[in-house]
Amino acid sequence: MTTIRSVFDGVPAPRTVVLRQPLPGDLGWVVQRHGALYAAEYGLDATFEALVARIVADYATAHDPRTEAGWIAEIDGTPVGSIFCVAAGDGVAKLRLLFVEPSARGAGVGRALVQECVRFAKRVGYREMVLYTHDVLTAARRLYEQAGFELESATPASVYGVDVVEEQWRLSLA
């Protein structure tokens, strides 16, 4: 009935974001979507997709479920986002592979993923969380700022076939 009303009223039905652990096939989806979308939106080449594949492969083969986790965001049963929390050593967690499908942007997917990742890192006892991103990822950067991350460094670089500004961010979890 909600769907019917939204069609007749011209108001979109609310979309419920569900976060879940990765299932078989999801990790390949994470690699494929990162590669395809970042090439289309930012001109990154296949070396970026290779980096994502290495991160995902390391997670799949060696993560410790007590201190590392990944999430897939779904709307209406369709994967629309991802994020991972991995150990960076010495009480530090690393936020990795935040991704939100263009069709799901603005629905709170990115915010939900970042919040869950930070909550997990706190719950398992990390004292800090770090992340690496590029300055052109303005929506993601905004989410990081809202979550309390602080920009530590910004360095021009030529990576993945493009010129970027690499950024390192840090969040105290204490």
Foldseek 3Di string as FASTA:
>chain_A
DQCVCCVVVVNDRQWDKDKDFDDPPVLVVLLVCCQVVCCVPPVFACVVSVVSNVVSVCCVPPADVLQKGKIFIDTPRHTFWIWIWGDPDDLEIEIDRTGGHPVCPPNCNSLVRVVVNLVSSLVSGRQKYKYKDWPVVPVNVVSCVVVPKDWDDWDWDCPSNHITIMTMIMHGSD
